[in-house]
Amino acid sequence: MADNTNTNKVNSYHKQKSKDEMKKQLISFALMIGFTIIAFGIVATDVIVDKMFIVPVLLLLAVVQVAFQFYYFMHMKDKGHELPSMMIYGGIFAALLTIAALSVIVWW
């Protein structure tokens, strides 16, 4: 009877890969919860007195959270997600272009 050591190695490899993926997702989830708590704390406690500084900090935290969402929870870093990635980035580009165009029209 043939020995199934090759199958065991493949299963062990996939099990380790799944374990590493889950670890990365849990770390990114914890970071997103931390960023949310930081953002809430900044707004709720008035730690930062200058209001013009609060908005960029909150926007930066939001962009980091969106990046975590895309790459870890929507699996955009994995192979086979090139078309959805292209569509999402195309939509982001179109939205930014529209915002820039409308800003120029309003304030020019």
C-alpha atoms as a PDB file:
ATOM      1  CA  MET A   1       0.000   0.000   0.000  1.00  0.00           C
ATOM      2  CA  ALA A   2       1.293   3.455  -0.850  1.00  0.00           C
ATOM      3  CA  ASP A   3       2.373   5.843   1.851  1.00  0.00           C
ATOM      4  CA  ASN A   4       0.393   9.090   1.989  1.00  0.00           C
ATOM      5  CA  THR A   5       3.231  11.264   3.273  1.00  0.00           C
ATOM      6  CA  ASN A   6       2.900  13.652   0.328  1.00  0.00           C
ATOM      7  CA  THR A   7      -0.796  14.176   1.081  1.00  0.00           C
ATOM      8  CA  ASN A   8       0.021  14.764   4.748  1.00  0.00           C
ATOM      9  CA  LYS A   9       2.612  17.363   3.783  1.00  0.00           C
ATOM     10  CA  VAL A  10       0.111  19.163   1.547  1.00  0.00           C
ATOM     11  CA  ASN A  11      -2.552  19.116   4.277  1.00  0.00           C
ATOM     12  CA  SER A  12      -0.012  20.349   6.815  1.00  0.00           C
ATOM     13  CA  TYR A  13       1.022  23.142   4.458  1.00  0.00           C
ATOM     14  CA  HIS A  14      -2.590  24.261   3.904  1.00  0.00           C
ATOM     15  CA  LYS A  15      -3.331  24.043   7.618  1.00  0.00           C
ATOM     16  CA  GLN A  16      -0.303  26.238   8.434  1.00  0.00           C
ATOM     17  CA  LYS A  17      -1.221  28.684   5.660  1.00  0.00           C
ATOM     18  CA  SER A  18      -4.799  28.949   6.997  1.00  0.00           C
ATOM     19  CA  LYS A  19      -3.479  29.448  10.519  1.00  0.00           C
ATOM     20  CA  ASP A  20      -1.175  32.252   9.366  1.00  0.00           C
ATOM     21  CA  GLU A  21      -4.032  33.881   7.414  1.00  0.00           C
ATOM     22  CA  MET A  22      -6.322  33.775  10.454  1.00  0.00           C
ATOM     23  CA  LYS A  23      -3.574  35.287  12.606  1.00  0.00           C
ATOM     24  CA  LYS A  24      -3.163  38.172  10.145  1.00  0.00           C
ATOM     25  CA  GLN A  25      -6.919  38.755  10.041  1.00  0.00           C
ATOM     26  CA  LEU A  26      -7.196  38.807  13.827  1.00  0.00           C
ATOM     27  CA  ILE A  27      -4.290  41.262  14.106  1.00  0.00           C
ATOM     28  CA  SER A  28      -5.832  43.561  11.475  1.00  0.00           C
ATOM     29  CA  PHE A  29      -9.228  43.304  13.192  1.00  0.00           C
ATOM     30  CA  ALA A  30      -7.653  44.280  16.523  1.00  0.00           C
ATOM     31  CA  LEU A  31      -5.866  47.206  14.850  1.00  0.00           C
ATOM     32  CA  MET A  32      -9.115  48.411  13.279  1.00  0.00           C
ATOM     33  CA  ILE A  33     -10.888  48.241  16.636  1.00  0.00           C
ATOM     34  CA  GLY A  34      -7.975  50.174  18.141  1.00  0.00           C
ATOM     35  CA  PHE A  35      -8.168  52.836  15.403  1.00  0.00           C
ATOM     36  CA  THR A  36     -11.918  53.141  15.992  1.00  0.00           C
ATOM     37  CA  ILE A  37     -11.394  53.604  19.727  1.00  0.00           C
ATOM     38  CA  ILE A  38      -8.673  56.196  19.057  1.00  0.00           C
ATOM     39  CA  ALA A  39     -10.940  58.115  16.644  1.00  0.00           C
ATOM     40  CA  PHE A  40     -13.841  58.021  19.092  1.00  0.00           C
ATOM     41  CA  GLY A  41     -11.565  59.111  21.925  1.00  0.00           C
ATOM     42  CA  ILE A  42     -10.212  62.049  19.916  1.00  0.00           C
ATOM     43  CA  VAL A  43     -13.705  63.321  19.145  1.00  0.00           C
ATOM     44  CA  ALA A  44     -15.387  62.529  22.474  1.00  0.00           C
ATOM     45  CA  THR A  45     -12.761  63.850  24.858  1.00  0.00           C
ATOM     46  CA  ASP A  46     -11.563  66.962  23.013  1.00  0.00           C
ATOM     47  CA  VAL A  47      -7.951  65.901  23.625  1.00  0.00           C
ATOM     48  CA  ILE A  48      -6.902  67.768  20.496  1.00  0.00           C
ATOM     49  CA  VAL A  49      -7.937  71.385  20.918  1.00  0.00           C
ATOM     50  CA  ASP A  50      -7.247  72.518  17.354  1.00  0.00           C
ATOM     51  CA  LYS A  51     -10.254  71.433  15.279  1.00  0.00           C
ATOM     52  CA  MET A  52      -8.309  71.775  12.027  1.00  0.00           C
ATOM     53  CA  PHE A  53      -6.015  68.983  13.204  1.00  0.00           C
ATOM     54  CA  ILE A  54      -8.826  66.551  14.110  1.00  0.00           C
ATOM     55  CA  VAL A  55     -10.212  66.180  10.575  1.00  0.00           C
ATOM     56  CA  PRO A  56      -6.936  65.087   8.905  1.00  0.00           C
ATOM     57  CA  VAL A  57      -6.227  62.634  11.740  1.00  0.00           C
ATOM     58  CA  LEU A  58      -9.693  61.113  11.415  1.00  0.00           C
ATOM     59  CA  LEU A  59      -9.357  60.915   7.634  1.00  0.00           C
ATOM     60  CA  LEU A  60      -5.977  59.212   7.980  1.00  0.00           C
ATOM     61  CA  LEU A  61      -7.410  56.659  10.408  1.00  0.00           C
ATOM     62  CA  ALA A  62     -10.319  56.057   8.010  1.00  0.00           C
ATOM     63  CA  VAL A  63      -7.992  55.491   5.035  1.00  0.00           C
ATOM     64  CA  VAL A  64      -5.925  53.000   7.035  1.00  0.00           C
ATOM     65  CA  GLN A  65      -9.080  51.136   8.042  1.00  0.00           C
ATOM     66  CA  VAL A  66     -10.292  51.013   4.432  1.00  0.00           C
ATOM     67  CA  ALA A  67      -6.913  49.588   3.389  1.00  0.00           C
ATOM     68  CA  PHE A  68      -7.201  46.902   6.066  1.00  0.00           C
ATOM     69  CA  GLN A  69     -10.713  46.096   4.856  1.00  0.00           C
ATOM     70  CA  PHE A  70      -9.614  45.764   1.247  1.00  0.00           C
ATOM     71  CA  TYR A  71      -6.467  43.759   1.766  1.00  0.00           C
ATOM     72  CA  TYR A  72      -7.346  41.464   4.645  1.00  0.00           C
ATOM     73  CA  PHE A  73     -11.110  41.040   4.813  1.00  0.00           C
ATOM     74  CA  MET A  74     -11.903  41.353   1.102  1.00  0.00           C
ATOM     75  CA  HIS A  75      -8.781  39.297   0.220  1.00  0.00           C
ATOM     76  CA  MET A  76      -7.523  41.798  -2.357  1.00  0.00           C
ATOM     77  CA  LYS A  77      -3.959  40.681  -1.687  1.00  0.00           C
ATOM     78  CA  ASP A  78      -4.693  37.140  -2.910  1.00  0.00           C
ATOM     79  CA  LYS A  79      -4.228  35.840  -6.427  1.00  0.00           C
ATOM     80  CA  GLY A  80      -7.300  35.761  -8.634  1.00  0.00           C
ATOM     81  CA  HIS A  81      -8.705  39.091  -7.450  1.00  0.00           C
ATOM     82  CA  GLU A  82      -7.193  41.256 -10.165  1.00  0.00           C
ATOM     83  CA  LEU A  83     -10.477  42.184 -11.880  1.00  0.00           C
ATOM     84  CA  PRO A  84     -12.330  43.158  -8.680  1.00  0.00           C
ATOM     85  CA  SER A  85      -9.241  45.094  -7.567  1.00  0.00           C
ATOM     86  CA  MET A  86      -9.130  46.939 -10.876  1.00  0.00           C
ATOM     87  CA  MET A  87     -12.827  47.793 -10.636  1.00  0.00           C
ATOM     88  CA  ILE A  88     -12.549  49.055  -7.045  1.00  0.00           C
ATOM     89  CA  TYR A  89      -9.455  51.134  -7.762  1.00  0.00           C
ATOM     90  CA  GLY A  90     -11.107  52.472 -10.925  1.00  0.00           C
ATOM     91  CA  GLY A  91     -14.129  53.504  -8.863  1.00  0.00           C
ATOM     92  CA  ILE A  92     -11.920  55.200  -6.290  1.00  0.00           C
ATOM     93  CA  PHE A  93     -10.062  57.024  -9.066  1.00  0.00           C
ATOM     94  CA  ALA A  94     -13.349  58.156 -10.678  1.00  0.00           C
ATOM     95  CA  ALA A  95     -14.673  59.370  -7.312  1.00  0.00           C
ATOM     96  CA  LEU A  96     -11.484  61.314  -6.558  1.00  0.00           C
ATOM     97  CA  LEU A  97     -11.476  62.792 -10.053  1.00  0.00           C
ATOM     98  CA  THR A  98     -15.108  63.869  -9.650  1.00  0.00           C
ATOM     99  CA  ILE A  99     -14.419  65.441  -6.253  1.00  0.00           C
ATOM    100  CA  ALA A 100     -11.396  67.273  -7.648  1.00  0.00           C
ATOM    101  CA  ALA A 101     -13.341  68.532 -10.674  1.00  0.00           C
ATOM    102  CA  LEU A 102     -16.269  69.748  -8.577  1.00  0.00           C
ATOM    103  CA  SER A 103     -13.892  71.415  -6.121  1.00  0.00           C
ATOM    104  CA  VAL A 104     -12.200  73.279  -8.957  1.00  0.00           C
ATOM    105  CA  ILE A 105     -15.559  74.349 -10.403  1.00  0.00           C
ATOM    106  CA  VAL A 106     -16.855  75.612  -7.037  1.00  0.00           C
ATOM    107  CA  TRP A 107     -13.720  77.408  -5.833  1.00  0.00           C
ATOM    108  CA  TRP A 108     -12.163  78.639  -9.067  1.00  0.00           C
END
